[in-house]
Protein backbone atom coordinates (compact mmCIF):
# COMPACT_ATOMS: atom_id res chain seq x y z
CA UNK A 1 -63.07 139.10 112.03
CA UNK A 2 -63.16 139.37 115.98
CA UNK A 3 -66.34 141.28 117.56
CA UNK A 4 -66.12 142.09 121.15
CA UNK A 5 -69.56 142.17 122.58
CA UNK A 6 -70.32 143.65 126.40
CA UNK A 7 -73.28 144.56 128.30
CA UNK A 8 -73.86 146.91 131.15
CA UNK A 9 -75.47 146.18 134.16
CA UNK A 10 -76.89 149.18 136.16
CA UNK A 11 -76.27 149.52 139.62
CA UNK A 12 -78.16 151.83 141.83
CA UNK A 13 -76.18 152.81 144.65
CA UNK A 14 -78.13 154.43 147.87
CA UNK A 15 -75.97 157.15 148.84
CA UNK A 16 -76.31 159.06 152.59
CA UNK A 17 -77.62 161.95 152.68
CA UNK A 18 -75.41 162.49 155.29
CA UNK A 19 -75.86 165.24 158.43
CA UNK A 20 -76.74 169.02 157.62
CA UNK A 21 -73.82 171.33 158.79
CA UNK A 22 -73.70 175.13 159.28
CA UNK A 23 -71.54 176.84 156.42
CA UNK A 24 -70.70 180.63 156.90
CA UNK A 25 -69.32 182.56 154.24
CA UNK A 26 -68.07 186.47 155.46
CA UNK A 27 -65.42 188.52 153.71
CA UNK A 28 -64.61 192.00 154.55
CA UNK A 29 -64.00 194.59 152.16
CA UNK A 30 -62.65 198.44 152.18
CA UNK A 31 -65.35 199.51 149.79
CA UNK A 32 -67.95 201.50 151.17
CA UNK A 33 -70.61 199.49 150.96
CA UNK A 34 -72.10 197.41 153.99
CA UNK A 35 -70.18 194.47 154.93
CA UNK A 36 -72.09 190.91 154.59
CA UNK A 37 -72.25 187.33 156.40
CA UNK A 38 -73.85 184.47 154.66
CA UNK A 39 -74.85 181.60 156.92
CA UNK A 40 -76.59 178.98 155.52
CA UNK A 41 -77.36 174.59 155.62
CA UNK A 42 -75.30 172.37 153.26
CA UNK A 43 -77.41 169.83 151.35
CA UNK A 44 -77.50 166.28 151.05
CA UNK A 45 -75.94 164.68 148.19
CA UNK A 46 -78.64 164.75 145.71
CA UNK A 47 -80.61 167.80 146.93
CA UNK A 48 -80.64 170.47 144.40
CA UNK A 49 -83.27 172.35 145.95
CA UNK A 50 -81.04 175.02 147.01
CA UNK A 51 -79.31 176.15 150.34
CA UNK A 52 -81.51 176.99 153.34
CA UNK A 53 -80.57 180.28 155.00
CA UNK A 54 -79.93 179.97 158.99
CA UNK A 55 -82.09 182.52 160.81
CA UNK A 56 -82.18 184.24 163.89
CA UNK A 57 -78.29 184.48 164.37
CA UNK A 58 -76.60 187.09 166.37
CA UNK A 59 -73.48 187.89 164.54
CA UNK A 60 -71.21 190.73 165.02
CA UNK A 61 -67.48 191.37 164.36
CA UNK A 62 -64.95 192.65 166.78
CA UNK A 63 -61.83 194.60 166.27
CA UNK A 64 -58.76 194.86 167.86
CA UNK A 65 -60.11 197.81 170.43
CA UNK A 66 -62.60 195.46 171.05
CA UNK A 67 -65.47 197.33 169.47
CA UNK A 68 -68.55 195.07 168.42
CA UNK A 69 -69.74 195.79 165.02
CA UNK A 70 -73.29 193.96 164.81
CA UNK A 71 -74.75 192.61 161.62
CA UNK A 72 -78.45 192.84 161.00
CA UNK A 73 -80.35 190.06 158.92
CA UNK A 74 -81.62 191.42 155.79
CA UNK A 75 -82.85 188.24 154.25
CA UNK A 76 -82.70 184.76 155.41
CA UNK A 77 -79.28 183.54 156.21
CA UNK A 78 -77.72 187.31 155.07
CA UNK A 79 -76.33 189.63 157.81
CA UNK A 80 -75.05 193.10 156.93
CA UNK A 81 -73.14 195.30 159.11
CA UNK A 82 -74.43 198.26 161.33
CA UNK A 83 -73.85 200.90 160.93
CA UNK A 84 -73.65 200.45 157.24
CA UNK A 85 -70.84 202.61 157.17
CA UNK A 86 -68.56 200.11 158.71
CA UNK A 87 -65.41 200.07 156.62
CA UNK A 88 -62.24 198.01 157.81
CA UNK A 89 -59.07 199.43 158.25
CA UNK A 90 -55.47 198.30 156.84
CA UNK A 91 -53.78 196.48 158.78
CA UNK A 92 -56.01 196.02 161.76
CA UNK A 93 -57.22 192.78 162.81
CA UNK A 94 -60.95 191.66 163.36
CA UNK A 95 -62.56 188.26 164.22
CA UNK A 96 -65.79 187.20 163.16
CA UNK A 97 -68.85 185.74 166.42
CA UNK A 98 -71.87 183.83 165.68
CA UNK A 99 -74.22 182.62 168.18
CA UNK A 100 -77.18 180.45 166.96
CA UNK A 101 -78.93 177.84 169.12
CA UNK A 102 -76.02 175.79 170.50
CA UNK A 103 -73.87 177.17 168.27
CA UNK A 104 -71.22 179.35 169.54
CA UNK A 105 -68.71 180.31 166.25
CA UNK A 106 -65.82 182.25 166.25
CA UNK A 107 -63.01 182.85 163.89
CA UNK A 108 -59.24 183.15 163.81
CA UNK A 109 -58.36 186.50 163.76
CA UNK A 110 -57.64 188.27 160.41
CA UNK A 111 -56.08 191.48 158.77
CA UNK A 112 -56.90 193.37 155.93
CA UNK A 113 -53.46 193.56 154.42
CA UNK A 114 -52.64 196.41 151.74
CA UNK A 115 -53.45 195.97 148.00
CA UNK A 116 -50.99 196.31 145.30
CA UNK A 117 -51.68 199.05 142.20
CA UNK A 118 -53.45 197.63 139.33
CA UNK A 119 -51.64 199.81 136.13
CA UNK A 120 -53.49 198.49 133.13
CA UNK A 121 -55.59 195.79 131.74
CA UNK A 122 -56.64 194.58 128.76
CA UNK A 123 -58.22 192.00 126.77
CA UNK A 124 -56.51 188.95 124.96
CA UNK A 125 -57.22 186.57 122.61
CA UNK A 126 -55.72 182.75 122.88
CA UNK A 127 -55.41 183.07 118.50
CA UNK A 128 -52.57 185.26 116.89
CA UNK A 129 -55.04 187.23 115.42
CA UNK A 130 -52.70 188.35 112.16
CA UNK A 131 -53.07 184.37 111.46
CA UNK A 132 -56.22 183.51 112.46
CA UNK A 133 -59.78 185.25 112.02
CA UNK A 134 -61.68 184.82 115.61
CA UNK A 135 -65.31 185.78 115.53
CA UNK A 136 -66.03 188.43 118.07
CA UNK A 137 -68.79 185.80 119.72
CA UNK A 138 -66.37 183.08 120.14
CA UNK A 139 -65.15 182.54 124.01
CA UNK A 140 -61.59 183.21 123.09
CA UNK A 141 -60.68 185.71 125.36
CA UNK A 142 -59.35 186.83 128.78
CA UNK A 143 -58.04 189.25 130.96
CA UNK A 144 -54.35 190.48 131.46
CA UNK A 145 -53.83 193.02 134.31
CA UNK A 146 -50.25 194.71 135.34
CA UNK A 147 -49.50 194.69 138.65
CA UNK A 148 -47.14 197.36 140.56
CA UNK A 149 -46.26 194.85 143.26
CA UNK A 150 -45.71 196.33 146.70
CA UNK A 151 -42.24 195.69 147.80
CA UNK A 152 -42.65 195.76 151.66
CA UNK A 153 -44.18 192.22 151.74
CA UNK A 154 -45.09 188.84 150.25
CA UNK A 155 -48.24 189.78 148.61
CA UNK A 156 -51.18 187.45 147.64
CA UNK A 157 -54.15 187.99 145.35
CA UNK A 158 -57.02 187.21 143.97
CA UNK A 159 -59.24 188.35 140.87
CA UNK A 160 -62.86 188.01 140.35
CA UNK A 161 -64.38 188.70 137.08
CA UNK A 162 -67.98 190.02 136.40
CA UNK A 163 -69.07 189.42 132.78
CA UNK A 164 -72.14 191.34 131.76
CA UNK A 165 -73.22 192.23 134.97
CA UNK A 166 -73.04 188.56 136.13
CA UNK A 167 -70.45 187.41 138.46
CA UNK A 168 -68.28 184.43 137.77
CA UNK A 169 -68.48 182.50 140.78
CA UNK A 170 -67.66 178.93 140.28
CA UNK A 171 -64.72 177.92 141.81
CA UNK A 172 -62.93 177.39 138.78
CA UNK A 173 -63.34 180.67 137.99
CA UNK A 174 -60.96 182.25 140.69
CA UNK A 175 -57.99 183.87 139.76
CA UNK A 176 -55.11 183.40 142.43
CA UNK A 177 -51.41 184.41 142.23
CA UNK A 178 -48.81 185.76 144.54
CA UNK A 179 -45.45 187.75 143.77
CA UNK A 180 -42.85 184.74 144.78
CA UNK A 181 -41.16 185.65 141.76
CA UNK A 182 -42.06 189.01 141.11
CA UNK A 183 -41.99 190.84 144.64
CA UNK A 184 -41.27 194.46 144.23
CA UNK A 185 -41.59 194.49 140.47
CA UNK A 186 -43.98 195.52 137.78
CA UNK A 187 -45.39 192.28 136.17
CA UNK A 188 -48.44 191.00 134.04
CA UNK A 189 -50.63 188.56 134.91
CA UNK A 190 -53.16 186.56 132.64
CA UNK A 191 -56.23 185.63 133.71
CA UNK A 192 -56.71 182.89 131.18
CA UNK A 193 -59.04 180.54 133.03
CA UNK A 194 -61.76 182.69 132.62
CA UNK A 195 -63.05 183.47 128.61
CA UNK A 196 -65.57 185.68 127.39
CA UNK A 197 -66.85 187.27 123.82
CA UNK A 198 -64.79 190.07 122.76
CA UNK A 199 -67.67 192.55 122.80
CA UNK A 200 -68.81 191.40 126.33
CA UNK A 201 -68.78 193.94 129.16
CA UNK A 202 -66.25 193.26 131.81
CA UNK A 203 -65.37 194.59 135.37
CA UNK A 204 -62.21 192.93 137.45
CA UNK A 205 -62.32 193.00 140.62
CA UNK A 206 -58.45 193.12 142.21
CA UNK A 207 -58.14 192.35 145.81
CA UNK A 208 -55.17 191.07 148.37
CA UNK A 209 -55.38 188.55 150.46
CA UNK A 210 -53.30 187.31 153.60
CA UNK A 211 -51.55 183.99 153.33
CA UNK A 212 -53.94 182.07 155.13
CA UNK A 213 -57.01 182.98 152.75
CA UNK A 214 -54.66 182.72 149.81
CA UNK A 215 -54.29 178.98 150.79
CA UNK A 216 -57.45 178.22 151.56
CA UNK A 217 -58.90 179.63 148.28
CA UNK A 218 -55.87 177.50 146.69
CA UNK A 219 -57.15 174.21 148.52
CA UNK A 220 -60.77 175.15 147.54
CA UNK A 221 -59.96 175.65 144.03
CA UNK A 222 -58.48 172.42 143.99
CA UNK A 223 -60.63 170.35 145.50
CA UNK A 224 -63.79 171.42 143.67
CA UNK A 225 -62.11 171.44 140.20
CA UNK A 226 -61.05 167.78 140.34
CA UNK A 227 -61.69 165.48 137.55
CA UNK A 228 -62.21 161.27 137.46
CA UNK A 229 -59.52 161.16 135.11
CA UNK A 230 -56.24 163.27 136.02
CA UNK A 231 -57.43 164.70 139.65
CA UNK A 232 -55.14 167.67 140.65
CA UNK A 233 -55.04 166.61 144.52
CA UNK A 234 -56.19 163.73 146.27
CA UNK A 235 -59.50 163.61 148.18
CA UNK A 236 -58.93 165.82 151.38
CA UNK A 237 -61.04 168.15 153.86
CA UNK A 238 -61.43 171.72 153.09
CA UNK A 239 -60.23 173.72 156.80
CA UNK A 240 -61.46 176.75 157.63
CA UNK A 241 -60.30 179.25 160.05
CA UNK A 242 -63.93 178.95 162.20
CA UNK A 243 -64.36 176.61 165.10
CA UNK A 244 -67.33 176.36 167.78
CA UNK A 245 -65.53 177.56 170.72
CA UNK A 246 -68.05 175.18 172.98
CA UNK A 247 -67.00 171.83 171.34
CA UNK A 248 -63.63 172.76 169.76
CA UNK A 249 -65.58 171.19 166.26
CA UNK A 250 -64.39 173.15 162.94
CA UNK A 251 -67.28 175.14 161.21
CA UNK A 252 -67.36 174.90 157.46
CA UNK A 253 -66.71 178.22 155.61
CA UNK A 254 -63.84 180.95 156.12
CA UNK A 255 -63.83 184.72 157.25
CA UNK A 256 -61.37 186.99 155.48
CA UNK A 257 -60.48 190.11 154.13
CA UNK A 258 -59.26 192.45 151.34
CA UNK A 259 -58.49 195.37 149.95
CA UNK A 260 -60.20 195.59 146.57
CA UNK A 261 -59.75 197.91 143.64
CA UNK A 262 -62.59 197.49 141.19
CA UNK A 263 -62.00 198.37 137.27
CA UNK A 264 -63.77 197.94 133.91
CA UNK A 265 -61.60 196.38 131.55
CA UNK A 266 -61.91 197.82 127.90
């Protein structure tokens, strides 16, 4: 009989905390609520204290008529549009501008693109319920939606789900798809990466994207859902659409826009 014995030495690695950087997350929608831009500091590798908001910034959005829409700080690092009734218009371009101390950040121009109609939604199980008895308490269910795709353009979509009142906000919960093979047709799509109980309360947010935002979110999802055994993409820098116009340095984050349909899934 051959017995192999081994030991494991504990190795403590000192990881550099790195330099803190500003992160900007702003997304316009055609919903009637006020628009929001969040500005925060990044954390060190081992810091689990949360993300400190950047306070006292001057934040505004400029439309293609050169009109400024000012954003007021409502809580540390969170800025909301003034007037509250500002609603972006389909087809119009917008630029985000943020000034804070030595930073003068500006986004690339973005455009609010039209959405396609979400015809029906349903809750689907992975298992064949005619053959397998599945408890309603098991996380074995997901949303299926049928889209009437707009034939006048190439369309890109993102779905986000709210389960029992809690938004699923992890990058792995982002549902992304396009109409590359279904342009102008009715087609079904499954959000099978977001699972829940059958008796859960579900809201689906169906939103349009332009190509640049779709590529950014796709890359974000690939980078953050990598694992050490079979990574889905090589390590890479996540490049957004923001930069400091004084230095030319890229700023972490993204400024985008979506036309949104929110529906309760039965």
